[in-house]
Amino acid sequence: MKKITTLSMALSSILAAMALSANVQAADEKFVTIGTGGQTGVYYVAGQSICRFVNRDTKTHGIKCNAPASGGGVANVNGIRSGEFNMGVMQSDHQYKALEGLPPFAGKMEDIRALFSLQSEVFTVLARRDAHIAKLDDLKGKRVNVGNPGSGQRDTLDEIMAKKGWDRSVFSLAAELKPAEQASALNDNNIDAMTYFVGHPNGAIQEATTTTDAVLVPITGPEIDALLAEKSYYTKAEIPAGLYKGNDTPTQSIGGKAVISASANTSPELVYQVVKAVFDNLERFKRLHPAFNDLDEQDMIKAGLSAPLHEGAVRYYKERGWM
């Protein structure tokens, strides 16, 4: 009887110790959620790729990362503001507009912070060849997907339209499809043109040009030149020739950088570990999407960063001797 009691007490002690250990481990675990974009876009791949490398070392730093699909850059800014996301992928112009409190954001987000930039992005218009859209002005009277609310393509198109003196009534249809819905809508002849602010090559554009006789539309003209002169966060950009079926010449447009942002209130240690996970594995990271091929460390910590760097990122860059 005494042996049974002793054994029972020992077992209880072991179970208690295990429970205590589990509780301590749970308390030590930290979570980071990165807002991305539609599942066919580069933002989603970027977030998933970052989390892939963060989660490889969860046992060491106790951080678990997830990167759900979201409405895109504008939605990610608002998600960081509300606390839904710790971090988010967005266009460099959205980072700037959030910091300065410019439309589509209400009020300055003075605590937005940059971590690093990623791929260059281009405002892209793809049209059915039989819609006879060869230039920006040819979109008038056509069925155009302006993009879902909260997306970068919609915000950029709104800026272009303002320069042109247009509103959505110039289109016979202003659809609000998500990125994943655009290619099939173009193929089914439900829209004449789709818009996207995205890195290239892009899966949705590849799908659309494979299933439909479609052409990339140059975004040029005096109003575009005026927009570039006024808005420093946009630059001239080009979609290279031959990336997509039926598009054998370069296409001129405007663009910017995709950036990873967070709030200044986000834990410096959490930011440090996320930044470290990316740059310690940068060569592997670059192989996860063709749009990442040309990423360069020195550009990533400077180019397109229209908000101050987060202190957790600064700590890592100083350790590497980059600052």
C-alpha atoms as a PDB file:
ATOM      1  CA  MET A   1       0.000   0.000   0.000  1.00  0.00           C
ATOM      2  CA  LYS A   2       2.835   2.336   0.893  1.00  0.00           C
ATOM      3  CA  LYS A   3       4.544   1.618  -2.457  1.00  0.00           C
ATOM      4  CA  ILE A   4       1.329   2.409  -4.319  1.00  0.00           C
ATOM      5  CA  THR A   5       0.922   5.693  -2.435  1.00  0.00           C
ATOM      6  CA  THR A   6       4.535   6.648  -3.102  1.00  0.00           C
ATOM      7  CA  LEU A   7       4.128   5.789  -6.776  1.00  0.00           C
ATOM      8  CA  SER A   8       0.922   7.806  -6.938  1.00  0.00           C
ATOM      9  CA  MET A   9       2.590  10.819  -5.331  1.00  0.00           C
ATOM     10  CA  ALA A  10       5.542  10.582  -7.735  1.00  0.00           C
ATOM     11  CA  LEU A  11       3.196  10.354 -10.708  1.00  0.00           C
ATOM     12  CA  SER A  12       1.259  13.381  -9.467  1.00  0.00           C
ATOM     13  CA  SER A  13       4.492  15.345  -9.115  1.00  0.00           C
ATOM     14  CA  ILE A  14       5.547  14.427 -12.648  1.00  0.00           C
ATOM     15  CA  LEU A  15       2.160  15.446 -14.049  1.00  0.00           C
ATOM     16  CA  ALA A  16       2.252  18.711 -12.130  1.00  0.00           C
ATOM     17  CA  ALA A  17       5.734  19.446 -13.430  1.00  0.00           C
ATOM     18  CA  MET A  18       4.625  18.669 -16.968  1.00  0.00           C
ATOM     19  CA  ALA A  19       1.623  20.964 -16.625  1.00  0.00           C
ATOM     20  CA  LEU A  20       3.790  23.737 -15.214  1.00  0.00           C
ATOM     21  CA  SER A  21       6.246  23.300 -18.072  1.00  0.00           C
ATOM     22  CA  ALA A  22       3.417  23.448 -20.611  1.00  0.00           C
ATOM     23  CA  ASN A  23       2.033  26.596 -18.995  1.00  0.00           C
ATOM     24  CA  VAL A  24       5.435  28.267 -19.025  1.00  0.00           C
ATOM     25  CA  GLN A  25       5.951  27.251 -22.641  1.00  0.00           C
ATOM     26  CA  ALA A  26       2.514  28.624 -23.595  1.00  0.00           C
ATOM     27  CA  ALA A  27       3.294  31.878 -21.817  1.00  0.00           C
ATOM     28  CA  ASP A  28       6.599  32.124 -23.689  1.00  0.00           C
ATOM     29  CA  GLU A  29       5.033  31.565 -27.104  1.00  0.00           C
ATOM     30  CA  LYS A  30       4.490  34.695 -29.160  1.00  0.00           C
ATOM     31  CA  PHE A  31       2.437  35.098 -32.303  1.00  0.00           C
ATOM     32  CA  VAL A  32       2.832  37.336 -35.334  1.00  0.00           C
ATOM     33  CA  THR A  33       0.121  37.781 -37.954  1.00  0.00           C
ATOM     34  CA  ILE A  34       1.073  39.338 -41.290  1.00  0.00           C
ATOM     35  CA  GLY A  35      -1.644  40.820 -43.510  1.00  0.00           C
ATOM     36  CA  THR A  36      -1.012  39.885 -47.143  1.00  0.00           C
ATOM     37  CA  GLY A  37      -3.398  40.025 -50.137  1.00  0.00           C
ATOM     38  CA  GLY A  38      -5.285  37.735 -52.481  1.00  0.00           C
ATOM     39  CA  GLN A  39      -4.002  34.163 -52.788  1.00  0.00           C
ATOM     40  CA  THR A  40      -2.947  34.632 -56.442  1.00  0.00           C
ATOM     41  CA  GLY A  41      -0.778  37.659 -55.655  1.00  0.00           C
ATOM     42  CA  VAL A  42       2.835  38.173 -54.617  1.00  0.00           C
ATOM     43  CA  TYR A  43       1.795  39.692 -51.257  1.00  0.00           C
ATOM     44  CA  TYR A  44       0.357  36.358 -50.168  1.00  0.00           C
ATOM     45  CA  VAL A  45       3.508  34.505 -51.267  1.00  0.00           C
ATOM     46  CA  ALA A  46       5.648  37.090 -49.438  1.00  0.00           C
ATOM     47  CA  GLY A  47       3.777  36.678 -46.158  1.00  0.00           C
ATOM     48  CA  GLN A  48       3.749  32.892 -46.386  1.00  0.00           C
ATOM     49  CA  SER A  49       7.457  32.867 -47.213  1.00  0.00           C
ATOM     50  CA  ILE A  50       8.360  35.101 -44.268  1.00  0.00           C
ATOM     51  CA  CYS A  51       6.374  32.871 -41.925  1.00  0.00           C
ATOM     52  CA  ARG A  52       8.009  29.774 -43.362  1.00  0.00           C
ATOM     53  CA  PHE A  53      11.423  30.959 -42.180  1.00  0.00           C
ATOM     54  CA  VAL A  54      10.192  32.380 -38.872  1.00  0.00           C
ATOM     55  CA  ASN A  55       8.463  29.099 -37.992  1.00  0.00           C
ATOM     56  CA  ARG A  56      11.580  27.049 -38.738  1.00  0.00           C
ATOM     57  CA  ASP A  57      13.104  28.467 -35.521  1.00  0.00           C
ATOM     58  CA  THR A  58       9.997  28.559 -33.293  1.00  0.00           C
ATOM     59  CA  LYS A  59      11.665  26.217 -30.781  1.00  0.00           C
ATOM     60  CA  THR A  60      14.486  28.748 -30.389  1.00  0.00           C
ATOM     61  CA  HIS A  61      12.641  32.080 -30.213  1.00  0.00           C
ATOM     62  CA  GLY A  62       9.103  30.944 -29.309  1.00  0.00           C
ATOM     63  CA  ILE A  63       7.422  32.875 -32.122  1.00  0.00           C
ATOM     64  CA  LYS A  64       4.730  31.415 -34.354  1.00  0.00           C
ATOM     65  CA  CYS A  65       3.877  33.227 -37.574  1.00  0.00           C
ATOM     66  CA  ASN A  66       0.823  33.128 -39.824  1.00  0.00           C
ATOM     67  CA  ALA A  67       0.002  35.151 -42.937  1.00  0.00           C
ATOM     68  CA  PRO A  68      -3.670  34.989 -43.912  1.00  0.00           C
ATOM     69  CA  ALA A  69      -5.063  36.316 -47.173  1.00  0.00           C
ATOM     70  CA  SER A  70      -6.477  39.825 -46.865  1.00  0.00           C
ATOM     71  CA  GLY A  71      -7.997  42.647 -48.874  1.00  0.00           C
ATOM     72  CA  GLY A  72      -4.567  44.060 -49.757  1.00  0.00           C
ATOM     73  CA  GLY A  73      -2.403  47.038 -48.835  1.00  0.00           C
ATOM     74  CA  VAL A  74      -5.046  49.502 -47.630  1.00  0.00           C
ATOM     75  CA  ALA A  75      -6.753  46.768 -45.617  1.00  0.00           C
ATOM     76  CA  ASN A  76      -3.385  45.815 -44.103  1.00  0.00           C
ATOM     77  CA  VAL A  77      -2.723  49.389 -42.930  1.00  0.00           C
ATOM     78  CA  ASN A  78      -6.122  49.425 -41.264  1.00  0.00           C
ATOM     79  CA  GLY A  79      -5.456  45.966 -39.832  1.00  0.00           C
ATOM     80  CA  ILE A  80      -2.217  47.155 -38.215  1.00  0.00           C
ATOM     81  CA  ARG A  81      -4.031  50.214 -36.885  1.00  0.00           C
ATOM     82  CA  SER A  82      -6.812  48.087 -35.339  1.00  0.00           C
ATOM     83  CA  GLY A  83      -4.476  45.422 -33.965  1.00  0.00           C
ATOM     84  CA  GLU A  84      -5.796  42.685 -36.262  1.00  0.00           C
ATOM     85  CA  PHE A  85      -2.311  42.335 -37.786  1.00  0.00           C
ATOM     86  CA  ASN A  86       1.114  42.798 -36.218  1.00  0.00           C
ATOM     87  CA  MET A  87       2.571  43.473 -39.650  1.00  0.00           C
ATOM     88  CA  GLY A  88       1.373  43.917 -43.205  1.00  0.00           C
ATOM     89  CA  VAL A  89       2.543  44.018 -46.807  1.00  0.00           C
ATOM     90  CA  MET A  90       1.630  47.198 -48.659  1.00  0.00           C
ATOM     91  CA  GLN A  91       2.669  49.535 -51.432  1.00  0.00           C
ATOM     92  CA  SER A  92       5.247  52.148 -50.506  1.00  0.00           C
ATOM     93  CA  ASP A  93       2.694  54.871 -51.266  1.00  0.00           C
ATOM     94  CA  HIS A  94       0.266  53.400 -48.743  1.00  0.00           C
ATOM     95  CA  GLN A  95       2.956  53.495 -46.074  1.00  0.00           C
ATOM     96  CA  TYR A  96       3.510  57.175 -46.875  1.00  0.00           C
ATOM     97  CA  LYS A  97      -0.201  58.022 -47.006  1.00  0.00           C
ATOM     98  CA  ALA A  98      -0.834  56.282 -43.682  1.00  0.00           C
ATOM     99  CA  LEU A  99       2.025  58.200 -42.040  1.00  0.00           C
ATOM    100  CA  GLU A 100       0.753  61.529 -43.371  1.00  0.00           C
ATOM    101  CA  GLY A 101      -2.967  60.832 -42.950  1.00  0.00           C
ATOM    102  CA  LEU A 102      -3.742  61.191 -46.649  1.00  0.00           C
ATOM    103  CA  PRO A 103      -6.721  59.534 -48.423  1.00  0.00           C
ATOM    104  CA  PRO A 104      -7.747  56.749 -48.315  1.00  0.00           C
ATOM    105  CA  PHE A 105      -6.712  56.925 -44.638  1.00  0.00           C
ATOM    106  CA  ALA A 106      -8.423  59.043 -42.011  1.00  0.00           C
ATOM    107  CA  GLY A 107      -5.949  60.675 -39.626  1.00  0.00           C
ATOM    108  CA  LYS A 108      -2.183  60.363 -39.405  1.00  0.00           C
ATOM    109  CA  MET A 109      -0.742  57.009 -38.371  1.00  0.00           C
ATOM    110  CA  GLU A 110       2.421  58.465 -36.895  1.00  0.00           C
ATOM    111  CA  ASP A 111       3.428  55.157 -35.335  1.00  0.00           C
ATOM    112  CA  ILE A 112       3.664  53.209 -38.611  1.00  0.00           C
ATOM    113  CA  ARG A 113       7.150  51.791 -39.066  1.00  0.00           C
ATOM    114  CA  ALA A 114       9.034  50.167 -41.941  1.00  0.00           C
ATOM    115  CA  LEU A 115      10.880  46.842 -41.701  1.00  0.00           C
ATOM    116  CA  PHE A 116      12.156  46.330 -45.254  1.00  0.00           C
ATOM    117  CA  SER A 117      11.034  46.512 -48.866  1.00  0.00           C
ATOM    118  CA  LEU A 118      10.506  43.653 -51.268  1.00  0.00           C
ATOM    119  CA  GLN A 119       9.817  43.467 -55.006  1.00  0.00           C
ATOM    120  CA  SER A 120       9.121  46.328 -57.366  1.00  0.00           C
ATOM    121  CA  GLU A 121       5.452  46.566 -58.344  1.00  0.00           C
ATOM    122  CA  VAL A 122       3.777  47.910 -61.453  1.00  0.00           C
ATOM    123  CA  PHE A 123       0.266  49.258 -61.984  1.00  0.00           C
ATOM    124  CA  THR A 124      -0.969  46.810 -64.582  1.00  0.00           C
ATOM    125  CA  VAL A 125      -3.922  46.946 -66.959  1.00  0.00           C
ATOM    126  CA  LEU A 126      -4.695  43.839 -69.011  1.00  0.00           C
ATOM    127  CA  ALA A 127      -7.448  43.959 -71.640  1.00  0.00           C
ATOM    128  CA  ARG A 128      -9.120  41.538 -74.011  1.00  0.00           C
ATOM    129  CA  ARG A 129      -7.682  42.113 -77.475  1.00  0.00           C
ATOM    130  CA  ASP A 130     -11.190  42.214 -78.967  1.00  0.00           C
ATOM    131  CA  ALA A 131     -12.060  45.142 -76.637  1.00  0.00           C
ATOM    132  CA  HIS A 132      -9.661  47.329 -78.679  1.00  0.00           C
ATOM    133  CA  ILE A 133      -8.038  49.006 -75.666  1.00  0.00           C
ATOM    134  CA  ALA A 134      -4.607  50.252 -76.757  1.00  0.00           C
ATOM    135  CA  LYS A 135      -4.156  53.167 -74.339  1.00  0.00           C
ATOM    136  CA  LEU A 136      -5.514  54.557 -71.076  1.00  0.00           C
ATOM    137  CA  ASP A 137      -8.193  56.701 -72.705  1.00  0.00           C
ATOM    138  CA  ASP A 138      -9.638  53.628 -74.428  1.00  0.00           C
ATOM    139  CA  LEU A 139     -10.915  52.394 -71.051  1.00  0.00           C
ATOM    140  CA  LYS A 140     -13.753  54.912 -71.273  1.00  0.00           C
ATOM    141  CA  GLY A 141     -17.031  53.170 -71.989  1.00  0.00           C
ATOM    142  CA  LYS A 142     -15.582  49.733 -71.193  1.00  0.00           C
ATOM    143  CA  ARG A 143     -16.253  47.137 -68.506  1.00  0.00           C
ATOM    144  CA  VAL A 144     -13.336  47.553 -66.107  1.00  0.00           C
ATOM    145  CA  ASN A 145     -12.496  45.820 -62.848  1.00  0.00           C
ATOM    146  CA  VAL A 146     -11.453  48.683 -60.561  1.00  0.00           C
ATOM    147  CA  GLY A 147     -10.552  46.273 -57.754  1.00  0.00           C
ATOM    148  CA  ASN A 148     -11.934  45.330 -54.380  1.00  0.00           C
ATOM    149  CA  PRO A 149     -12.173  47.979 -51.643  1.00  0.00           C
ATOM    150  CA  GLY A 150      -8.922  48.061 -49.680  1.00  0.00           C
ATOM    151  CA  SER A 151      -6.741  47.006 -52.609  1.00  0.00           C
ATOM    152  CA  GLY A 152      -3.732  48.878 -53.935  1.00  0.00           C
ATOM    153  CA  GLN A 153      -4.916  48.696 -57.531  1.00  0.00           C
ATOM    154  CA  ARG A 154      -8.123  50.506 -56.636  1.00  0.00           C
ATOM    155  CA  ASP A 155      -6.361  53.270 -54.734  1.00  0.00           C
ATOM    156  CA  THR A 156      -3.849  53.827 -57.542  1.00  0.00           C
ATOM    157  CA  LEU A 157      -6.577  53.780 -60.185  1.00  0.00           C
ATOM    158  CA  ASP A 158      -8.484  56.376 -58.152  1.00  0.00           C
ATOM    159  CA  GLU A 159      -5.408  58.643 -58.222  1.00  0.00           C
ATOM    160  CA  ILE A 160      -5.027  58.196 -61.978  1.00  0.00           C
ATOM    161  CA  MET A 161      -8.731  58.876 -62.532  1.00  0.00           C
ATOM    162  CA  ALA A 162      -8.552  62.036 -60.431  1.00  0.00           C
ATOM    163  CA  LYS A 163      -5.751  63.305 -62.665  1.00  0.00           C
ATOM    164  CA  LYS A 164      -7.831  62.458 -65.732  1.00  0.00           C
ATOM    165  CA  GLY A 165     -10.908  64.160 -64.293  1.00  0.00           C
ATOM    166  CA  TRP A 166     -12.816  60.865 -64.411  1.00  0.00           C
ATOM    167  CA  ASP A 167     -15.182  59.164 -62.040  1.00  0.00           C
ATOM    168  CA  ARG A 168     -16.460  55.597 -62.323  1.00  0.00           C
ATOM    169  CA  SER A 169     -19.334  56.674 -64.541  1.00  0.00           C
ATOM    170  CA  VAL A 170     -16.844  56.802 -67.449  1.00  0.00           C
ATOM    171  CA  PHE A 171     -16.917  53.001 -67.447  1.00  0.00           C
ATOM    172  CA  SER A 172     -19.932  51.030 -68.667  1.00  0.00           C
ATOM    173  CA  LEU A 173     -19.219  48.726 -65.698  1.00  0.00           C
ATOM    174  CA  ALA A 174     -16.952  49.297 -62.682  1.00  0.00           C
ATOM    175  CA  ALA A 175     -16.532  45.819 -61.199  1.00  0.00           C
ATOM    176  CA  GLU A 176     -15.087  45.249 -57.712  1.00  0.00           C
ATOM    177  CA  LEU A 177     -13.643  41.781 -58.171  1.00  0.00           C
ATOM    178  CA  LYS A 178     -10.859  40.400 -55.991  1.00  0.00           C
ATOM    179  CA  PRO A 179      -7.548  39.540 -57.690  1.00  0.00           C
ATOM    180  CA  ALA A 180      -8.320  35.811 -57.783  1.00  0.00           C
ATOM    181  CA  GLU A 181     -11.567  36.479 -59.673  1.00  0.00           C
ATOM    182  CA  GLN A 182     -10.195  38.693 -62.427  1.00  0.00           C
ATOM    183  CA  ALA A 183      -8.676  36.204 -64.854  1.00  0.00           C
ATOM    184  CA  SER A 184     -11.804  34.062 -65.133  1.00  0.00           C
ATOM    185  CA  ALA A 185     -13.992  37.180 -65.527  1.00  0.00           C
ATOM    186  CA  LEU A 186     -11.802  38.338 -68.406  1.00  0.00           C
ATOM    187  CA  ASN A 187     -11.870  34.869 -69.975  1.00  0.00           C
ATOM    188  CA  ASP A 188     -15.672  34.619 -69.614  1.00  0.00           C
ATOM    189  CA  ASN A 189     -16.052  38.041 -71.291  1.00  0.00           C
ATOM    190  CA  ASN A 190     -17.661  39.513 -68.182  1.00  0.00           C
ATOM    191  CA  ILE A 191     -15.153  42.391 -68.171  1.00  0.00           C
ATOM    192  CA  ASP A 192     -13.073  44.043 -70.883  1.00  0.00           C
ATOM    193  CA  ALA A 193     -10.083  44.944 -68.700  1.00  0.00           C
ATOM    194  CA  MET A 194      -8.591  44.073 -65.326  1.00  0.00           C
ATOM    195  CA  THR A 195      -6.310  46.188 -63.163  1.00  0.00           C
ATOM    196  CA  TYR A 196      -3.618  45.039 -60.742  1.00  0.00           C
ATOM    197  CA  PHE A 197      -0.770  46.675 -58.782  1.00  0.00           C
ATOM    198  CA  VAL A 198       1.601  43.763 -58.557  1.00  0.00           C
ATOM    199  CA  GLY A 199       5.086  42.353 -58.984  1.00  0.00           C
ATOM    200  CA  HIS A 200       5.898  40.487 -62.186  1.00  0.00           C
ATOM    201  CA  PRO A 201       5.715  37.762 -63.304  1.00  0.00           C
ATOM    202  CA  ASN A 202       2.327  37.216 -61.725  1.00  0.00           C
ATOM    203  CA  GLY A 203       0.181  34.074 -61.691  1.00  0.00           C
ATOM    204  CA  ALA A 204      -3.139  35.821 -62.331  1.00  0.00           C
ATOM    205  CA  ILE A 205      -1.743  37.674 -65.361  1.00  0.00           C
ATOM    206  CA  GLN A 206      -0.181  34.443 -66.652  1.00  0.00           C
ATOM    207  CA  GLU A 207      -3.523  32.649 -66.264  1.00  0.00           C
ATOM    208  CA  ALA A 208      -5.414  35.431 -68.028  1.00  0.00           C
ATOM    209  CA  THR A 209      -3.008  35.658 -70.976  1.00  0.00           C
ATOM    210  CA  THR A 210      -2.948  31.880 -71.335  1.00  0.00           C
ATOM    211  CA  THR A 211      -6.722  31.432 -71.432  1.00  0.00           C
ATOM    212  CA  THR A 212      -7.592  34.690 -73.240  1.00  0.00           C
ATOM    213  CA  ASP A 213      -6.141  36.691 -76.106  1.00  0.00           C
ATOM    214  CA  ALA A 214      -5.222  39.660 -73.929  1.00  0.00           C
ATOM    215  CA  VAL A 215      -2.856  42.629 -74.149  1.00  0.00           C
ATOM    216  CA  LEU A 216      -1.073  44.764 -71.581  1.00  0.00           C
ATOM    217  CA  VAL A 217      -2.077  48.422 -71.808  1.00  0.00           C
ATOM    218  CA  PRO A 218       0.581  51.175 -71.414  1.00  0.00           C
ATOM    219  CA  ILE A 219      -0.163  53.694 -68.677  1.00  0.00           C
ATOM    220  CA  THR A 220       1.323  56.856 -70.136  1.00  0.00           C
ATOM    221  CA  GLY A 221       0.385  60.392 -71.112  1.00  0.00           C
ATOM    222  CA  PRO A 222       0.563  63.961 -69.779  1.00  0.00           C
ATOM    223  CA  GLU A 223      -1.675  63.227 -66.780  1.00  0.00           C
ATOM    224  CA  ILE A 224       0.577  60.316 -65.789  1.00  0.00           C
ATOM    225  CA  ASP A 225       3.632  62.569 -66.118  1.00  0.00           C
ATOM    226  CA  ALA A 226       1.909  65.105 -63.829  1.00  0.00           C
ATOM    227  CA  LEU A 227       1.109  62.377 -61.306  1.00  0.00           C
ATOM    228  CA  LEU A 228       4.749  61.236 -61.263  1.00  0.00           C
ATOM    229  CA  ALA A 229       5.935  64.826 -60.780  1.00  0.00           C
ATOM    230  CA  GLU A 230       3.536  65.377 -57.880  1.00  0.00           C
ATOM    231  CA  LYS A 231       3.714  62.021 -56.071  1.00  0.00           C
ATOM    232  CA  SER A 232       7.273  61.028 -55.197  1.00  0.00           C
ATOM    233  CA  TYR A 233       6.188  57.557 -54.075  1.00  0.00           C
ATOM    234  CA  TYR A 234       5.469  56.613 -57.711  1.00  0.00           C
ATOM    235  CA  THR A 235       8.181  56.023 -60.292  1.00  0.00           C
ATOM    236  CA  LYS A 236       8.244  55.129 -63.963  1.00  0.00           C
ATOM    237  CA  ALA A 237       8.076  51.362 -64.379  1.00  0.00           C
ATOM    238  CA  GLU A 238       8.094  48.785 -67.133  1.00  0.00           C
ATOM    239  CA  ILE A 239       6.714  45.280 -67.594  1.00  0.00           C
ATOM    240  CA  PRO A 240       9.419  43.422 -69.544  1.00  0.00           C
ATOM    241  CA  ALA A 241       8.750  41.989 -72.984  1.00  0.00           C
ATOM    242  CA  GLY A 242       7.910  38.317 -73.312  1.00  0.00           C
ATOM    243  CA  LEU A 243       6.784  37.616 -69.756  1.00  0.00           C
ATOM    244  CA  TYR A 244       3.265  36.813 -70.926  1.00  0.00           C
ATOM    245  CA  LYS A 245       1.836  35.112 -73.999  1.00  0.00           C
ATOM    246  CA  GLY A 246       1.020  37.562 -76.777  1.00  0.00           C
ATOM    247  CA  ASN A 247       2.897  40.462 -75.183  1.00  0.00           C
ATOM    248  CA  ASP A 248       6.268  40.636 -76.911  1.00  0.00           C
ATOM    249  CA  THR A 249       7.156  44.286 -76.327  1.00  0.00           C
ATOM    250  CA  PRO A 250       7.827  46.183 -73.061  1.00  0.00           C
ATOM    251  CA  THR A 251       4.840  47.933 -71.470  1.00  0.00           C
ATOM    252  CA  GLN A 252       5.332  51.322 -69.807  1.00  0.00           C
ATOM    253  CA  SER A 253       3.512  52.188 -66.588  1.00  0.00           C
ATOM    254  CA  ILE A 254       4.057  53.499 -63.048  1.00  0.00           C
ATOM    255  CA  GLY A 255       5.131  51.586 -59.978  1.00  0.00           C
ATOM    256  CA  GLY A 256       6.623  51.467 -56.530  1.00  0.00           C
ATOM    257  CA  LYS A 257       7.901  49.003 -53.959  1.00  0.00           C
ATOM    258  CA  ALA A 258       6.125  46.473 -51.791  1.00  0.00           C
ATOM    259  CA  VAL A 259       7.077  47.088 -48.154  1.00  0.00           C
ATOM    260  CA  ILE A 260       6.637  45.281 -44.847  1.00  0.00           C
ATOM    261  CA  SER A 261       5.291  47.576 -42.134  1.00  0.00           C
ATOM    262  CA  ALA A 262       4.373  47.344 -38.472  1.00  0.00           C
ATOM    263  CA  SER A 263       3.323  49.595 -35.626  1.00  0.00           C
ATOM    264  CA  ALA A 264       5.973  51.196 -33.427  1.00  0.00           C
ATOM    265  CA  ASN A 265       4.221  49.415 -30.549  1.00  0.00           C
ATOM    266  CA  THR A 266       5.041  45.984 -32.001  1.00  0.00           C
ATOM    267  CA  SER A 267       7.584  44.186 -29.816  1.00  0.00           C
ATOM    268  CA  PRO A 268      11.160  45.021 -30.911  1.00  0.00           C
ATOM    269  CA  GLU A 269      12.176  41.411 -30.238  1.00  0.00           C
ATOM    270  CA  LEU A 270       9.369  40.105 -32.430  1.00  0.00           C
ATOM    271  CA  VAL A 271      10.339  42.475 -35.273  1.00  0.00           C
ATOM    272  CA  TYR A 272      14.019  41.592 -34.838  1.00  0.00           C
ATOM    273  CA  GLN A 273      13.323  37.878 -35.184  1.00  0.00           C
ATOM    274  CA  VAL A 274      11.116  38.357 -38.267  1.00  0.00           C
ATOM    275  CA  VAL A 275      13.753  40.537 -39.971  1.00  0.00           C
ATOM    276  CA  LYS A 276      16.495  38.099 -38.992  1.00  0.00           C
ATOM    277  CA  ALA A 277      14.513  35.153 -40.397  1.00  0.00           C
ATOM    278  CA  VAL A 278      14.263  36.855 -43.785  1.00  0.00           C
ATOM    279  CA  PHE A 279      17.821  38.161 -44.156  1.00  0.00           C
ATOM    280  CA  ASP A 280      19.504  35.091 -42.678  1.00  0.00           C
ATOM    281  CA  ASN A 281      17.701  33.057 -45.359  1.00  0.00           C
ATOM    282  CA  LEU A 282      17.592  35.631 -48.160  1.00  0.00           C
ATOM    283  CA  GLU A 283      18.997  33.381 -50.902  1.00  0.00           C
ATOM    284  CA  ARG A 284      16.394  30.734 -50.106  1.00  0.00           C
ATOM    285  CA  PHE A 285      13.696  33.410 -49.833  1.00  0.00           C
ATOM    286  CA  LYS A 286      14.534  34.730 -53.316  1.00  0.00           C
ATOM    287  CA  ARG A 287      13.848  31.300 -54.824  1.00  0.00           C
ATOM    288  CA  LEU A 288      10.260  31.185 -53.560  1.00  0.00           C
ATOM    289  CA  HIS A 289       8.862  33.506 -56.263  1.00  0.00           C
ATOM    290  CA  PRO A 290      10.314  34.898 -59.516  1.00  0.00           C
ATOM    291  CA  ALA A 291       9.427  38.445 -58.382  1.00  0.00           C
ATOM    292  CA  PHE A 292      11.990  38.061 -55.561  1.00  0.00           C
ATOM    293  CA  ASN A 293      14.904  37.158 -57.874  1.00  0.00           C
ATOM    294  CA  ASP A 294      16.494  40.606 -57.863  1.00  0.00           C
ATOM    295  CA  LEU A 295      16.151  41.406 -54.163  1.00  0.00           C
ATOM    296  CA  ASP A 296      19.264  43.047 -52.765  1.00  0.00           C
ATOM    297  CA  GLU A 297      20.048  43.575 -49.081  1.00  0.00           C
ATOM    298  CA  GLN A 298      21.113  47.203 -49.416  1.00  0.00           C
ATOM    299  CA  ASP A 299      18.057  48.143 -51.479  1.00  0.00           C
ATOM    300  CA  MET A 300      15.686  46.325 -49.132  1.00  0.00           C
ATOM    301  CA  ILE A 301      16.699  48.429 -46.126  1.00  0.00           C
ATOM    302  CA  LYS A 302      16.388  51.753 -48.008  1.00  0.00           C
ATOM    303  CA  ALA A 303      14.375  51.698 -51.246  1.00  0.00           C
ATOM    304  CA  GLY A 304      10.683  52.514 -50.900  1.00  0.00           C
ATOM    305  CA  LEU A 305      10.804  52.973 -47.130  1.00  0.00           C
ATOM    306  CA  SER A 306       8.576  56.019 -46.704  1.00  0.00           C
ATOM    307  CA  ALA A 307       8.251  55.627 -42.906  1.00  0.00           C
ATOM    308  CA  PRO A 308      10.904  55.431 -40.152  1.00  0.00           C
ATOM    309  CA  LEU A 309      12.521  52.049 -39.532  1.00  0.00           C
ATOM    310  CA  HIS A 310      11.255  50.018 -36.575  1.00  0.00           C
ATOM    311  CA  GLU A 311      13.790  49.786 -33.739  1.00  0.00           C
ATOM    312  CA  GLY A 312      13.769  45.985 -33.952  1.00  0.00           C
ATOM    313  CA  ALA A 313      14.822  46.190 -37.604  1.00  0.00           C
ATOM    314  CA  VAL A 314      17.495  48.788 -36.814  1.00  0.00           C
ATOM    315  CA  ARG A 315      18.965  46.442 -34.196  1.00  0.00           C
ATOM    316  CA  TYR A 316      19.431  43.680 -36.763  1.00  0.00           C
ATOM    317  CA  TYR A 317      20.816  45.985 -39.479  1.00  0.00           C
ATOM    318  CA  LYS A 318      23.369  47.413 -37.023  1.00  0.00           C
ATOM    319  CA  GLU A 319      24.414  43.893 -36.027  1.00  0.00           C
ATOM    320  CA  ARG A 320      25.082  43.148 -39.693  1.00  0.00           C
ATOM    321  CA  GLY A 321      27.097  46.364 -40.094  1.00  0.00           C
ATOM    322  CA  TRP A 322      24.646  47.819 -42.611  1.00  0.00           C
ATOM    323  CA  MET A 323      23.949  50.922 -40.541  1.00  0.00           C
END
